[in-house]
Amino acid sequence: MAIPAKLTRCSGMVMLCLFLELLLAASARNILYSVPEETDKGSFVGNIAKDLGLEPQELAERGVRIVSRGRTQ
């Protein structure tokens, strides 16, 4: 009888891990903006808050990070 109980605990842990993975994947989003090299410095590229479906003040509250993959950050 110990085997079925152990198997039940293992399957429960697997289900919990899968649920947590789905939850994390749903809350993490990436947005990619492509900007041509010829674009003038200071040009409008995109509205991050709108594209994430958030209010602007929510960006700081949620710890949004902006990372550039160019030569400078």
PDB file of N, CA and C in Angstrom:
ATOM      1  N   MET A   1       0.795  -1.206   0.000  1.00  0.00           N
ATOM      2  CA  MET A   1       0.000   0.000   0.000  1.00  0.00           C
ATOM      3  C   MET A   1       0.840   1.274   0.000  1.00  0.00           C
ATOM      4  N   ALA A   2       2.104   1.180   0.364  1.00  0.00           N
ATOM      5  CA  ALA A   2       2.963   2.356   0.412  1.00  0.00           C
ATOM      6  C   ALA A   2       3.245   2.896  -0.984  1.00  0.00           C
ATOM      7  N   ILE A   3       3.261   2.027  -1.958  1.00  0.00           N
ATOM      8  CA  ILE A   3       3.564   2.475  -3.322  1.00  0.00           C
ATOM      9  C   ILE A   3       2.463   3.380  -3.875  1.00  0.00           C
ATOM     10  N   PRO A   4       1.180   3.016  -3.790  1.00  0.00           N
ATOM     11  CA  PRO A   4       0.159   3.933  -4.306  1.00  0.00           C
ATOM     12  C   PRO A   4       0.148   5.278  -3.589  1.00  0.00           C
ATOM     13  N   ALA A   5       0.368   5.315  -2.293  1.00  0.00           N
ATOM     14  CA  ALA A   5       0.395   6.583  -1.567  1.00  0.00           C
ATOM     15  C   ALA A   5       1.568   7.443  -2.030  1.00  0.00           C
ATOM     16  N   LYS A   6       2.719   6.814  -2.227  1.00  0.00           N
ATOM     17  CA  LYS A   6       3.900   7.542  -2.704  1.00  0.00           C
ATOM     18  C   LYS A   6       3.671   8.057  -4.121  1.00  0.00           C
ATOM     19  N   LEU A   7       3.056   7.234  -4.949  1.00  0.00           N
ATOM     20  CA  LEU A   7       2.754   7.632  -6.327  1.00  0.00           C
ATOM     21  C   LEU A   7       1.785   8.810  -6.344  1.00  0.00           C
ATOM     22  N   THR A   8       0.810   8.791  -5.460  1.00  0.00           N
ATOM     23  CA  THR A   8      -0.157   9.886  -5.383  1.00  0.00           C
ATOM     24  C   THR A   8       0.533  11.181  -4.984  1.00  0.00           C
ATOM     25  N   ARG A   9       1.448  11.120  -4.022  1.00  0.00           N
ATOM     26  CA  ARG A   9       2.191  12.309  -3.611  1.00  0.00           C
ATOM     27  C   ARG A   9       3.046  12.839  -4.749  1.00  0.00           C
ATOM     28  N   CYS A  10       3.683  11.942  -5.486  1.00  0.00           N
ATOM     29  CA  CYS A  10       4.529  12.365  -6.614  1.00  0.00           C
ATOM     30  C   CYS A  10       3.701  13.026  -7.702  1.00  0.00           C
ATOM     31  N   SER A  11       2.563  12.444  -8.037  1.00  0.00           N
ATOM     32  CA  SER A  11       1.741  13.034  -9.091  1.00  0.00           C
ATOM     33  C   SER A  11       1.177  14.377  -8.644  1.00  0.00           C
ATOM     34  N   GLY A  12       0.899  14.508  -7.352  1.00  0.00           N
ATOM     35  CA  GLY A  12       0.449  15.797  -6.828  1.00  0.00           C
ATOM     36  C   GLY A  12       1.528  16.850  -6.947  1.00  0.00           C
ATOM     37  N   MET A  13       2.759  16.481  -6.666  1.00  0.00           N
ATOM     38  CA  MET A  13       3.879  17.421  -6.788  1.00  0.00           C
ATOM     39  C   MET A  13       4.114  17.808  -8.244  1.00  0.00           C
ATOM     40  N   VAL A  14       3.985  16.847  -9.141  1.00  0.00           N
ATOM     41  CA  VAL A  14       4.148  17.129 -10.566  1.00  0.00           C
ATOM     42  C   VAL A  14       3.074  18.111 -11.019  1.00  0.00           C
ATOM     43  N   MET A  15       1.843  17.895 -10.607  1.00  0.00           N
ATOM     44  CA  MET A  15       0.749  18.801 -10.977  1.00  0.00           C
ATOM     45  C   MET A  15       0.992  20.198 -10.411  1.00  0.00           C
ATOM     46  N   LEU A  16       1.481  20.282  -9.177  1.00  0.00           N
ATOM     47  CA  LEU A  16       1.775  21.577  -8.571  1.00  0.00           C
ATOM     48  C   LEU A  16       2.871  22.296  -9.350  1.00  0.00           C
ATOM     49  N   CYS A  17       3.925  21.583  -9.724  1.00  0.00           N
ATOM     50  CA  CYS A  17       5.012  22.184 -10.503  1.00  0.00           C
ATOM     51  C   CYS A  17       4.522  22.677 -11.860  1.00  0.00           C
ATOM     52  N   LEU A  18       3.706  21.894 -12.522  1.00  0.00           N
ATOM     53  CA  LEU A  18       3.160  22.312 -13.818  1.00  0.00           C
ATOM     54  C   LEU A  18       2.287  23.547 -13.672  1.00  0.00           C
ATOM     55  N   PHE A  19       1.469  23.581 -12.626  1.00  0.00           N
ATOM     56  CA  PHE A  19       0.607  24.733 -12.383  1.00  0.00           C
ATOM     57  C   PHE A  19       1.443  25.988 -12.133  1.00  0.00           C
ATOM     58  N   LEU A  20       2.470  25.871 -11.300  1.00  0.00           N
ATOM     59  CA  LEU A  20       3.325  27.022 -11.016  1.00  0.00           C
ATOM     60  C   LEU A  20       4.063  27.504 -12.256  1.00  0.00           C
ATOM     61  N   GLU A  21       4.500  26.580 -13.089  1.00  0.00           N
ATOM     62  CA  GLU A  21       5.172  26.952 -14.344  1.00  0.00           C
ATOM     63  C   GLU A  21       4.231  27.732 -15.253  1.00  0.00           C
ATOM     64  N   LEU A  22       2.997  27.265 -15.372  1.00  0.00           N
ATOM     65  CA  LEU A  22       2.012  27.976 -16.193  1.00  0.00           C
ATOM     66  C   LEU A  22       1.706  29.352 -15.620  1.00  0.00           C
ATOM     67  N   LEU A  23       1.616  29.442 -14.316  1.00  0.00           N
ATOM     68  CA  LEU A  23       1.345  30.721 -13.663  1.00  0.00           C
ATOM     69  C   LEU A  23       2.473  31.715 -13.921  1.00  0.00           C
ATOM     70  N   LEU A  24       3.713  31.267 -13.798  1.00  0.00           N
ATOM     71  CA  LEU A  24       4.858  32.146 -14.051  1.00  0.00           C
ATOM     72  C   LEU A  24       4.933  32.560 -15.516  1.00  0.00           C
ATOM     73  N   ALA A  25       4.670  31.633 -16.410  1.00  0.00           N
ATOM     74  CA  ALA A  25       4.718  31.946 -17.840  1.00  0.00           C
ATOM     75  C   ALA A  25       3.643  32.954 -18.215  1.00  0.00           C
ATOM     76  N   ALA A  26       2.499  32.872 -17.580  1.00  0.00           N
ATOM     77  CA  ALA A  26       1.406  33.794 -17.890  1.00  0.00           C
ATOM     78  C   ALA A  26       1.700  35.203 -17.385  1.00  0.00           C
ATOM     79  N   SER A  27       2.455  35.327 -16.302  1.00  0.00           N
ATOM     80  CA  SER A  27       2.710  36.644 -15.738  1.00  0.00           C
ATOM     81  C   SER A  27       3.928  37.327 -16.346  1.00  0.00           C
ATOM     82  N   ALA A  28       4.816  36.602 -16.973  1.00  0.00           N
ATOM     83  CA  ALA A  28       6.019  37.183 -17.565  1.00  0.00           C
ATOM     84  C   ALA A  28       5.782  37.425 -19.056  1.00  0.00           C
ATOM     85  N   ARG A  29       6.039  38.634 -19.480  1.00  0.00           N
ATOM     86  CA  ARG A  29       5.862  38.976 -20.891  1.00  0.00           C
ATOM     87  C   ARG A  29       7.098  39.691 -21.401  1.00  0.00           C
ATOM     88  N   ASN A  30       7.369  39.471 -22.657  1.00  0.00           N
ATOM     89  CA  ASN A  30       8.454  40.185 -23.331  1.00  0.00           C
ATOM     90  C   ASN A  30       7.865  40.962 -24.492  1.00  0.00           C
ATOM     91  N   ILE A  31       8.337  42.173 -24.659  1.00  0.00           N
ATOM     92  CA  ILE A  31       7.929  42.993 -25.800  1.00  0.00           C
ATOM     93  C   ILE A  31       9.202  43.369 -26.538  1.00  0.00           C
ATOM     94  N   LEU A  32       9.187  43.224 -27.826  1.00  0.00           N
ATOM     95  CA  LEU A  32      10.349  43.542 -28.642  1.00  0.00           C
ATOM     96  C   LEU A  32       9.971  44.642 -29.618  1.00  0.00           C
ATOM     97  N   TYR A  33      10.714  45.724 -29.592  1.00  0.00           N
ATOM     98  CA  TYR A  33      10.541  46.815 -30.539  1.00  0.00           C
ATOM     99  C   TYR A  33      11.755  46.827 -31.460  1.00  0.00           C
ATOM    100  N   SER A  34      11.531  46.900 -32.747  1.00  0.00           N
ATOM    101  CA  SER A  34      12.617  47.025 -33.709  1.00  0.00           C
ATOM    102  C   SER A  34      12.696  48.479 -34.153  1.00  0.00           C
ATOM    103  N   VAL A  35      13.882  49.040 -34.100  1.00  0.00           N
ATOM    104  CA  VAL A  35      14.083  50.446 -34.455  1.00  0.00           C
ATOM    105  C   VAL A  35      15.145  50.520 -35.540  1.00  0.00           C
ATOM    106  N   PRO A  36      14.807  51.076 -36.701  1.00  0.00           N
ATOM    107  CA  PRO A  36      15.805  51.217 -37.764  1.00  0.00           C
ATOM    108  C   PRO A  36      16.967  52.100 -37.311  1.00  0.00           C
ATOM    109  N   GLU A  37      18.145  51.830 -37.822  1.00  0.00           N
ATOM    110  CA  GLU A  37      19.334  52.603 -37.451  1.00  0.00           C
ATOM    111  C   GLU A  37      19.187  54.081 -37.760  1.00  0.00           C
ATOM    112  N   GLU A  38      18.438  54.404 -38.805  1.00  0.00           N
ATOM    113  CA  GLU A  38      18.308  55.796 -39.237  1.00  0.00           C
ATOM    114  C   GLU A  38      17.406  56.615 -38.333  1.00  0.00           C
ATOM    115  N   THR A  39      16.723  55.971 -37.387  1.00  0.00           N
ATOM    116  CA  THR A  39      15.780  56.682 -36.526  1.00  0.00           C
ATOM    117  C   THR A  39      16.512  57.720 -35.678  1.00  0.00           C
ATOM    118  N   ASP A  40      15.945  58.931 -35.643  1.00  0.00           N
ATOM    119  CA  ASP A  40      16.554  60.015 -34.870  1.00  0.00           C
ATOM    120  C   ASP A  40      16.516  59.712 -33.385  1.00  0.00           C
ATOM    121  N   LYS A  41      17.551  60.161 -32.685  1.00  0.00           N
ATOM    122  CA  LYS A  41      17.608  59.999 -31.240  1.00  0.00           C
ATOM    123  C   LYS A  41      16.430  60.743 -30.623  1.00  0.00           C
ATOM    124  N   GLY A  42      15.768  60.104 -29.671  1.00  0.00           N
ATOM    125  CA  GLY A  42      14.621  60.713 -29.005  1.00  0.00           C
ATOM    126  C   GLY A  42      13.297  60.442 -29.693  1.00  0.00           C
ATOM    127  N   SER A  43      13.292  59.646 -30.759  1.00  0.00           N
ATOM    128  CA  SER A  43      12.058  59.330 -31.473  1.00  0.00           C
ATOM    129  C   SER A  43      11.173  58.400 -30.647  1.00  0.00           C
ATOM    130  N   PHE A  44       9.852  58.525 -30.817  1.00  0.00           N
ATOM    131  CA  PHE A  44       8.898  57.662 -30.139  1.00  0.00           C
ATOM    132  C   PHE A  44       8.958  56.275 -30.763  1.00  0.00           C
ATOM    133  N   VAL A  45       9.075  55.262 -29.922  1.00  0.00           N
ATOM    134  CA  VAL A  45       9.170  53.884 -30.410  1.00  0.00           C
ATOM    135  C   VAL A  45       7.914  53.103 -30.073  1.00  0.00           C
ATOM    136  N   GLY A  46       7.464  53.175 -28.837  1.00  0.00           N
ATOM    137  CA  GLY A  46       6.280  52.424 -28.443  1.00  0.00           C
ATOM    138  C   GLY A  46       5.838  52.801 -27.047  1.00  0.00           C
ATOM    139  N   ASN A  47       4.584  52.494 -26.733  1.00  0.00           N
ATOM    140  CA  ASN A  47       4.024  52.753 -25.420  1.00  0.00           C
ATOM    141  C   ASN A  47       4.046  51.442 -24.637  1.00  0.00           C
ATOM    142  N   ILE A  48       5.049  51.283 -23.789  1.00  0.00           N
ATOM    143  CA  ILE A  48       5.250  50.027 -23.067  1.00  0.00           C
ATOM    144  C   ILE A  48       4.051  49.700 -22.190  1.00  0.00           C
ATOM    145  N   ALA A  49       3.557  50.676 -21.440  1.00  0.00           N
ATOM    146  CA  ALA A  49       2.426  50.422 -20.536  1.00  0.00           C
ATOM    147  C   ALA A  49       1.211  49.943 -21.324  1.00  0.00           C
ATOM    148  N   LYS A  50       0.910  50.613 -22.425  1.00  0.00           N
ATOM    149  CA  LYS A  50      -0.251  50.237 -23.237  1.00  0.00           C
ATOM    150  C   LYS A  50      -0.061  48.841 -23.836  1.00  0.00           C
ATOM    151  N   ASP A  51       1.134  48.547 -24.331  1.00  0.00           N
ATOM    152  CA  ASP A  51       1.391  47.250 -24.949  1.00  0.00           C
ATOM    153  C   ASP A  51       1.328  46.099 -23.943  1.00  0.00           C
ATOM    154  N   LEU A  52       1.595  46.399 -22.672  1.00  0.00           N
ATOM    155  CA  LEU A  52       1.480  45.389 -21.616  1.00  0.00           C
ATOM    156  C   LEU A  52       0.075  45.350 -21.006  1.00  0.00           C
ATOM    157  N   GLY A  53      -0.765  46.318 -21.385  1.00  0.00           N
ATOM    158  CA  GLY A  53      -2.108  46.382 -20.832  1.00  0.00           C
ATOM    159  C   GLY A  53      -2.123  46.887 -19.398  1.00  0.00           C
ATOM    160  N   LEU A  54      -1.194  47.789 -19.067  1.00  0.00           N
ATOM    161  CA  LEU A  54      -1.082  48.332 -17.718  1.00  0.00           C
ATOM    162  C   LEU A  54      -1.253  49.839 -17.735  1.00  0.00           C
ATOM    163  N   GLU A  55      -1.536  50.389 -16.566  1.00  0.00           N
ATOM    164  CA  GLU A  55      -1.512  51.831 -16.390  1.00  0.00           C
ATOM    165  C   GLU A  55      -0.052  52.229 -16.171  1.00  0.00           C
ATOM    166  N   PRO A  56       0.362  53.431 -16.592  1.00  0.00           N
ATOM    167  CA  PRO A  56       1.767  53.836 -16.443  1.00  0.00           C
ATOM    168  C   PRO A  56       2.313  53.708 -15.021  1.00  0.00           C
ATOM    169  N   GLN A  57       1.524  54.043 -14.003  1.00  0.00           N
ATOM    170  CA  GLN A  57       2.018  53.953 -12.624  1.00  0.00           C
ATOM    171  C   GLN A  57       2.239  52.506 -12.181  1.00  0.00           C
ATOM    172  N   GLU A  58       1.610  51.552 -12.855  1.00  0.00           N
ATOM    173  CA  GLU A  58       1.779  50.140 -12.515  1.00  0.00           C
ATOM    174  C   GLU A  58       3.153  49.603 -12.929  1.00  0.00           C
ATOM    175  N   LEU A  59       3.810  50.247 -13.877  1.00  0.00           N
ATOM    176  CA  LEU A  59       5.113  49.769 -14.335  1.00  0.00           C
ATOM    177  C   LEU A  59       6.110  49.689 -13.182  1.00  0.00           C
ATOM    178  N   ALA A  60       6.223  50.766 -12.411  1.00  0.00           N
ATOM    179  CA  ALA A  60       7.154  50.777 -11.282  1.00  0.00           C
ATOM    180  C   ALA A  60       6.697  49.816 -10.190  1.00  0.00           C
ATOM    181  N   GLU A  61       5.397  49.772  -9.932  1.00  0.00           N
ATOM    182  CA  GLU A  61       4.864  48.889  -8.894  1.00  0.00           C
ATOM    183  C   GLU A  61       5.176  47.420  -9.186  1.00  0.00           C
ATOM    184  N   ARG A  62       5.175  47.062 -10.459  1.00  0.00           N
ATOM    185  CA  ARG A  62       5.412  45.671 -10.850  1.00  0.00           C
ATOM    186  C   ARG A  62       6.881  45.370 -11.139  1.00  0.00           C
ATOM    187  N   GLY A  63       7.737  46.368 -11.015  1.00  0.00           N
ATOM    188  CA  GLY A  63       9.168  46.149 -11.207  1.00  0.00           C
ATOM    189  C   GLY A  63       9.557  45.913 -12.657  1.00  0.00           C
ATOM    190  N   VAL A  64       8.935  46.629 -13.584  1.00  0.00           N
ATOM    191  CA  VAL A  64       9.245  46.477 -15.000  1.00  0.00           C
ATOM    192  C   VAL A  64      10.681  46.907 -15.259  1.00  0.00           C
ATOM    193  N   ARG A  65      11.408  46.111 -16.042  1.00  0.00           N
ATOM    194  CA  ARG A  65      12.787  46.423 -16.416  1.00  0.00           C
ATOM    195  C   ARG A  65      12.843  46.616 -17.915  1.00  0.00           C
ATOM    196  N   ILE A  66      13.622  47.587 -18.361  1.00  0.00           N
ATOM    197  CA  ILE A  66      13.812  47.826 -19.780  1.00  0.00           C
ATOM    198  C   ILE A  66      15.272  47.524 -20.092  1.00  0.00           C
ATOM    199  N   VAL A  67      15.496  46.577 -20.998  1.00  0.00           N
ATOM    200  CA  VAL A  67      16.850  46.147 -21.327  1.00  0.00           C
ATOM    201  C   VAL A  67      17.076  46.345 -22.810  1.00  0.00           C
ATOM    202  N   SER A  68      18.189  47.011 -23.143  1.00  0.00           N
ATOM    203  CA  SER A  68      18.559  47.208 -24.532  1.00  0.00           C
ATOM    204  C   SER A  68      19.582  46.159 -24.925  1.00  0.00           C
ATOM    205  N   ARG A  69      19.487  45.663 -26.117  1.00  0.00           N
ATOM    206  CA  ARG A  69      20.455  44.679 -26.577  1.00  0.00           C
ATOM    207  C   ARG A  69      21.494  45.275 -27.506  1.00  0.00           C
ATOM    208  N   GLY A  70      21.544  46.596 -27.539  1.00  0.00           N
ATOM    209  CA  GLY A  70      22.527  47.279 -28.362  1.00  0.00           C
ATOM    210  C   GLY A  70      23.854  47.385 -27.649  1.00  0.00           C
ATOM    211  N   ARG A  71      24.677  48.318 -28.109  1.00  0.00           N
ATOM    212  CA  ARG A  71      25.984  48.517 -27.488  1.00  0.00           C
ATOM    213  C   ARG A  71      25.888  49.170 -26.120  1.00  0.00           C
ATOM    214  N   THR A  72      24.862  49.958 -25.930  1.00  0.00           N
ATOM    215  CA  THR A  72      24.689  50.645 -24.634  1.00  0.00           C
ATOM    216  C   THR A  72      23.365  50.214 -24.012  1.00  0.00           C
ATOM    217  N   GLN A  73      23.295  50.334 -22.711  1.00  0.00           N
ATOM    218  CA  GLN A  73      22.065  49.978 -21.989  1.00  0.00           C
ATOM    219  C   GLN A  73      21.393  51.222 -21.472  1.00  0.00           C
TER     220      GLN A  73
END
